[in-house]
C-alpha atoms as a PDB file:
ATOM      1  CA  MET A   1      72.292 258.581 166.717  1.00  0.00           C
ATOM      2  CA  THR A   2      71.124 262.359 167.192  1.00  0.00           C
ATOM      3  CA  GLN A   3      73.862 264.551 169.329  1.00  0.00           C
ATOM      4  CA  MET A   4      70.738 264.706 171.900  1.00  0.00           C
ATOM      5  CA  THR A   5      69.993 260.685 172.230  1.00  0.00           C
ATOM      6  CA  THR A   6      73.320 260.532 172.875  1.00  0.00           C
ATOM      7  CA  THR A   7      73.404 263.085 175.446  1.00  0.00           C
ATOM      8  CA  ILE A   8      70.770 261.646 177.208  1.00  0.00           C
ATOM      9  CA  ARG A   9      71.941 258.442 176.811  1.00  0.00           C
ATOM     10  CA  LYS A  10      75.642 259.597 178.790  1.00  0.00           C
ATOM     11  CA  LEU A  11      73.091 261.090 181.544  1.00  0.00           C
ATOM     12  CA  LEU A  12      71.560 258.311 182.134  1.00  0.00           C
ATOM     13  CA  LEU A  13      74.716 256.524 182.634  1.00  0.00           C
ATOM     14  CA  ILE A  14      75.809 258.739 185.298  1.00  0.00           C
ATOM     15  CA  THR A  15      72.923 258.973 187.422  1.00  0.00           C
ATOM     16  CA  LEU A  16      73.199 255.373 187.782  1.00  0.00           C
ATOM     17  CA  LEU A  17      76.372 255.147 188.621  1.00  0.00           C
ATOM     18  CA  THR A  18      76.489 257.822 190.656  1.00  0.00           C
ATOM     19  CA  LEU A  19      72.493 256.564 192.729  1.00  0.00           C
ATOM     20  CA  PRO A  20      74.003 254.333 195.118  1.00  0.00           C
ATOM     21  CA  SER A  21      76.639 256.226 195.911  1.00  0.00           C
ATOM     22  CA  LEU A  22      74.536 259.538 196.314  1.00  0.00           C
ATOM     23  CA  ALA A  23      71.746 257.473 198.380  1.00  0.00           C
ATOM     24  CA  TRP A  24      73.742 254.741 200.474  1.00  0.00           C
ATOM     25  CA  GLY A  25      78.138 256.469 200.857  1.00  0.00           C
ATOM     26  CA  ALA A  26      80.815 254.765 199.898  1.00  0.00           C
ATOM     27  CA  ASP A  27      80.808 250.995 200.219  1.00  0.00           C
ATOM     28  CA  LEU A  28      82.969 249.297 202.239  1.00  0.00           C
ATOM     29  CA  PHE A  29      85.913 246.937 199.913  1.00  0.00           C
ATOM     30  CA  ILE A  30      87.938 244.386 200.636  1.00  0.00           C
ATOM     31  CA  GLY A  31      91.638 246.323 200.574  1.00  0.00           C
ATOM     32  CA  ASP A  32      90.048 249.405 201.707  1.00  0.00           C
ATOM     33  CA  LYS A  33      91.326 251.223 205.335  1.00  0.00           C
ATOM     34  CA  ALA A  34      89.696 249.813 207.715  1.00  0.00           C
ATOM     35  CA  LYS A  35      87.607 252.746 209.833  1.00  0.00           C
ATOM     36  CA  ASN A  36      88.364 253.587 213.567  1.00  0.00           C
ATOM     37  CA  PHE A  37      86.292 253.805 216.143  1.00  0.00           C
ATOM     38  CA  THR A  38      86.826 253.608 219.862  1.00  0.00           C
ATOM     39  CA  LEU A  39      84.140 251.067 221.628  1.00  0.00           C
ATOM     40  CA  LYS A  40      83.512 249.967 225.337  1.00  0.00           C
ATOM     41  CA  SER A  41      84.301 246.244 226.282  1.00  0.00           C
ATOM     42  CA  ASN A  42      82.980 244.115 228.659  1.00  0.00           C
ATOM     43  CA  LEU A  43      86.309 244.073 229.533  1.00  0.00           C
ATOM     44  CA  GLY A  44      85.618 247.492 231.509  1.00  0.00           C
ATOM     45  CA  GLU A  45      88.177 249.596 228.261  1.00  0.00           C
ATOM     46  CA  ASN A  46      87.631 250.616 225.553  1.00  0.00           C
ATOM     47  CA  LEU A  47      89.321 249.449 222.101  1.00  0.00           C
ATOM     48  CA  ARG A  48      90.441 251.645 219.577  1.00  0.00           C
ATOM     49  CA  LEU A  49      90.808 249.832 216.395  1.00  0.00           C
ATOM     50  CA  SER A  50      93.518 252.258 215.302  1.00  0.00           C
ATOM     51  CA  GLU A  51      95.580 251.111 218.359  1.00  0.00           C
ATOM     52  CA  GLN A  52      95.875 247.605 216.980  1.00  0.00           C
ATOM     53  CA  ARG A  53      98.250 247.673 214.125  1.00  0.00           C
ATOM     54  CA  GLY A  54     100.265 244.922 214.431  1.00  0.00           C
ATOM     55  CA  GLN A  55      97.510 242.470 215.028  1.00  0.00           C
ATOM     56  CA  VAL A  56      94.970 240.402 212.920  1.00  0.00           C
ATOM     57  CA  ILE A  57      91.470 241.833 213.682  1.00  0.00           C
ATOM     58  CA  LEU A  58      88.108 239.591 213.334  1.00  0.00           C
ATOM     59  CA  MET A  59      85.206 242.107 213.606  1.00  0.00           C
ATOM     60  CA  THR A  60      81.958 240.080 213.802  1.00  0.00           C
ATOM     61  CA  PHE A  61      78.629 241.843 214.036  1.00  0.00           C
ATOM     62  CA  TRP A  62      76.036 240.116 216.284  1.00  0.00           C
ATOM     63  CA  ALA A  63      73.292 240.520 218.567  1.00  0.00           C
ATOM     64  CA  THR A  64      71.743 238.195 221.166  1.00  0.00           C
ATOM     65  CA  TRP A  65      68.276 237.607 219.372  1.00  0.00           C
ATOM     66  CA  CYS A  66      70.269 235.705 216.208  1.00  0.00           C
ATOM     67  CA  GLY A  67      70.699 232.469 216.203  1.00  0.00           C
ATOM     68  CA  PRO A  68      73.125 231.831 213.383  1.00  0.00           C
ATOM     69  CA  CYS A  69      75.446 234.605 215.733  1.00  0.00           C
ATOM     70  CA  THR A  70      75.475 232.574 218.278  1.00  0.00           C
ATOM     71  CA  GLN A  71      76.893 229.629 216.400  1.00  0.00           C
ATOM     72  CA  GLN A  72      79.526 231.632 214.737  1.00  0.00           C
ATOM     73  CA  LEU A  73      80.526 233.453 218.308  1.00  0.00           C
ATOM     74  CA  LYS A  74      81.183 229.858 219.289  1.00  0.00           C
ATOM     75  CA  ASP A  75      83.015 228.868 216.408  1.00  0.00           C
ATOM     76  CA  PHE A  76      85.209 231.837 216.950  1.00  0.00           C
ATOM     77  CA  GLU A  77      86.299 230.781 220.257  1.00  0.00           C
ATOM     78  CA  THR A  78      87.932 228.121 218.772  1.00  0.00           C
ATOM     79  CA  LEU A  79      89.861 229.941 215.730  1.00  0.00           C
ATOM     80  CA  TYR A  80      90.696 232.741 218.364  1.00  0.00           C
ATOM     81  CA  GLN A  81      92.220 230.042 220.415  1.00  0.00           C
ATOM     82  CA  THR A  82      93.604 228.364 217.548  1.00  0.00           C
ATOM     83  CA  HIS A  83      95.473 231.605 216.740  1.00  0.00           C
ATOM     84  CA  LYS A  84      95.571 234.336 219.453  1.00  0.00           C
ATOM     85  CA  GLU A  85      99.067 233.659 220.046  1.00  0.00           C
ATOM     86  CA  LYS A  86      99.662 234.584 215.987  1.00  0.00           C
ATOM     87  CA  GLY A  87      98.646 238.420 217.107  1.00  0.00           C
ATOM     88  CA  PHE A  88      95.074 237.477 216.543  1.00  0.00           C
ATOM     89  CA  GLN A  89      91.659 239.141 218.085  1.00  0.00           C
ATOM     90  CA  VAL A  90      88.253 239.133 217.846  1.00  0.00           C
ATOM     91  CA  TRP A  91      85.719 241.846 218.754  1.00  0.00           C
ATOM     92  CA  ALA A  92      82.127 240.845 219.204  1.00  0.00           C
ATOM     93  CA  VAL A  93      80.411 244.366 218.093  1.00  0.00           C
ATOM     94  CA  GLY A  94      76.826 243.855 220.268  1.00  0.00           C
ATOM     95  CA  MET A  95      74.384 245.359 218.937  1.00  0.00           C
ATOM     96  CA  ASP A  96      71.781 244.995 221.656  1.00  0.00           C
ATOM     97  CA  GLU A  97      70.828 248.231 222.754  1.00  0.00           C
ATOM     98  CA  ASP A  98      72.141 246.856 226.141  1.00  0.00           C
ATOM     99  CA  PRO A  99      75.192 246.096 226.843  1.00  0.00           C
ATOM    100  CA  LYS A 100      74.326 243.940 229.588  1.00  0.00           C
ATOM    101  CA  GLU A 101      72.510 241.169 227.497  1.00  0.00           C
ATOM    102  CA  SER A 102      75.654 241.230 225.376  1.00  0.00           C
ATOM    103  CA  ALA A 103      78.198 240.797 228.011  1.00  0.00           C
ATOM    104  CA  PHE A 104      75.445 238.126 229.630  1.00  0.00           C
ATOM    105  CA  HIS A 105      75.373 236.374 226.202  1.00  0.00           C
ATOM    106  CA  GLY A 106      79.113 236.274 225.961  1.00  0.00           C
ATOM    107  CA  GLN A 107      79.442 235.016 229.144  1.00  0.00           C
ATOM    108  CA  LYS A 108      76.979 232.171 228.914  1.00  0.00           C
ATOM    109  CA  LEU A 109      78.683 231.297 225.727  1.00  0.00           C
ATOM    110  CA  GLY A 110      81.987 231.409 227.450  1.00  0.00           C
ATOM    111  CA  LEU A 111      83.903 233.323 225.448  1.00  0.00           C
ATOM    112  CA  SER A 112      87.132 234.653 226.306  1.00  0.00           C
ATOM    113  CA  PHE A 113      87.390 237.239 223.396  1.00  0.00           C
ATOM    114  CA  PRO A 114      86.305 240.911 224.161  1.00  0.00           C
ATOM    115  CA  ILE A 115      82.661 241.565 223.363  1.00  0.00           C
ATOM    116  CA  LEU A 116      81.910 245.282 222.489  1.00  0.00           C
ATOM    117  CA  PHE A 117      79.376 247.557 222.724  1.00  0.00           C
ATOM    118  CA  ASP A 118      77.374 249.035 219.398  1.00  0.00           C
ATOM    119  CA  GLY A 119      73.709 249.500 221.177  1.00  0.00           C
ATOM    120  CA  LYS A 120      73.429 253.260 219.048  1.00  0.00           C
ATOM    121  CA  HIS A 121      74.470 251.285 215.930  1.00  0.00           C
ATOM    122  CA  GLU A 122      76.972 253.858 214.825  1.00  0.00           C
ATOM    123  CA  VAL A 123      79.727 251.427 213.908  1.00  0.00           C
ATOM    124  CA  ALA A 124      78.110 248.991 212.456  1.00  0.00           C
ATOM    125  CA  LYS A 125      76.706 252.136 210.341  1.00  0.00           C
ATOM    126  CA  ALA A 126      80.315 252.997 209.298  1.00  0.00           C
ATOM    127  CA  TYR A 127      80.977 249.470 208.366  1.00  0.00           C
ATOM    128  CA  MET A 128      77.813 249.502 206.258  1.00  0.00           C
ATOM    129  CA  VAL A 129      76.202 246.011 208.408  1.00  0.00           C
ATOM    130  CA  ASP A 130      72.677 245.490 207.006  1.00  0.00           C
ATOM    131  CA  ASP A 131      72.737 241.605 207.692  1.00  0.00           C
ATOM    132  CA  LEU A 132      73.724 240.111 211.590  1.00  0.00           C
ATOM    133  CA  PRO A 133      76.014 238.371 211.540  1.00  0.00           C
ATOM    134  CA  THR A 134      78.405 240.708 209.372  1.00  0.00           C
ATOM    135  CA  THR A 135      82.287 239.381 209.583  1.00  0.00           C
ATOM    136  CA  VAL A 136      84.911 241.898 209.054  1.00  0.00           C
ATOM    137  CA  ILE A 137      88.500 240.914 208.694  1.00  0.00           C
ATOM    138  CA  VAL A 138      91.084 243.588 209.430  1.00  0.00           C
ATOM    139  CA  ASP A 139      94.884 243.086 208.373  1.00  0.00           C
ATOM    140  CA  ARG A 140      98.247 244.472 210.404  1.00  0.00           C
ATOM    141  CA  ASP A 141      98.577 246.732 208.415  1.00  0.00           C
ATOM    142  CA  GLY A 142      94.616 247.725 208.816  1.00  0.00           C
ATOM    143  CA  GLU A 143      93.273 247.174 205.560  1.00  0.00           C
ATOM    144  CA  ILE A 144      89.758 245.161 205.190  1.00  0.00           C
ATOM    145  CA  ARG A 145      91.181 241.779 203.800  1.00  0.00           C
ATOM    146  CA  PHE A 146      87.431 240.244 204.189  1.00  0.00           C
ATOM    147  CA  ILE A 147      83.845 240.618 204.594  1.00  0.00           C
ATOM    148  CA  GLN A 148      80.949 238.373 205.000  1.00  0.00           C
ATOM    149  CA  GLU A 149      77.425 238.847 205.843  1.00  0.00           C
ATOM    150  CA  ASP A 150      75.309 235.768 207.343  1.00  0.00           C
ATOM    151  CA  TYR A 151      76.568 232.381 208.426  1.00  0.00           C
ATOM    152  CA  ARG A 152      76.569 228.834 207.955  1.00  0.00           C
ATOM    153  CA  ASN A 153      79.103 226.251 209.188  1.00  0.00           C
ATOM    154  CA  LYS A 154      79.942 225.973 205.475  1.00  0.00           C
ATOM    155  CA  HIS A 155      81.341 229.076 206.426  1.00  0.00           C
ATOM    156  CA  LEU A 156      83.863 228.247 209.281  1.00  0.00           C
ATOM    157  CA  ASP A 157      86.357 226.232 206.523  1.00  0.00           C
ATOM    158  CA  THR A 158      86.490 229.637 204.815  1.00  0.00           C
ATOM    159  CA  TYR A 159      87.197 231.587 208.159  1.00  0.00           C
ATOM    160  CA  LYS A 160      90.008 229.022 208.841  1.00  0.00           C
ATOM    161  CA  LYS A 161      91.740 229.239 205.008  1.00  0.00           C
ATOM    162  CA  LYS A 162      91.495 232.892 204.997  1.00  0.00           C
ATOM    163  CA  LEU A 163      93.006 233.547 208.933  1.00  0.00           C
ATOM    164  CA  ASN A 164      95.864 230.801 208.420  1.00  0.00           C
ATOM    165  CA  LYS A 165      96.897 232.928 205.211  1.00  0.00           C
ATOM    166  CA  ILE A 166      96.596 236.391 206.736  1.00  0.00           C
ATOM    167  CA  VAL A 167      97.647 235.347 210.016  1.00  0.00           C
ATOM    168  CA  ASN A 168     101.060 233.861 209.135  1.00  0.00           C
ATOM    169  CA  GLU A 169     102.213 236.651 206.412  1.00  0.00           C
END
């Protein structure tokens, strides 16, 4: 192999490895520190992620027009009721432009956890959300422990197992 061929291969490899990060920015990975944000909630207060250290936070990014999101929110209400006494919170980050739509939908579903309003999708962009629903579980130290795109009934067992482990640590 010639020196030129070796150099071209190395440049091609470097380009391929760095191209996704140049095009899309850093991906979200398990083990990363969760990106801090503040959003207004349907409870009338702003919620800041960094102020929740010591709590396990399940954030789900959703919209009223997303069918799987509605089922997921109902299931997360059950998880919330089961684990809330152990320092567990669910934050439903609504992606609808009109916060009233998100708040009304949550009320209609009987959700007792806060609905946060991200109508401009700034937090969703920071968390690399490209599919709804997307769920991120953050542990008591602010570390991302689980990421899941989409939702089907079979995923509920996975959430139960993950949460049982994390909230009992």
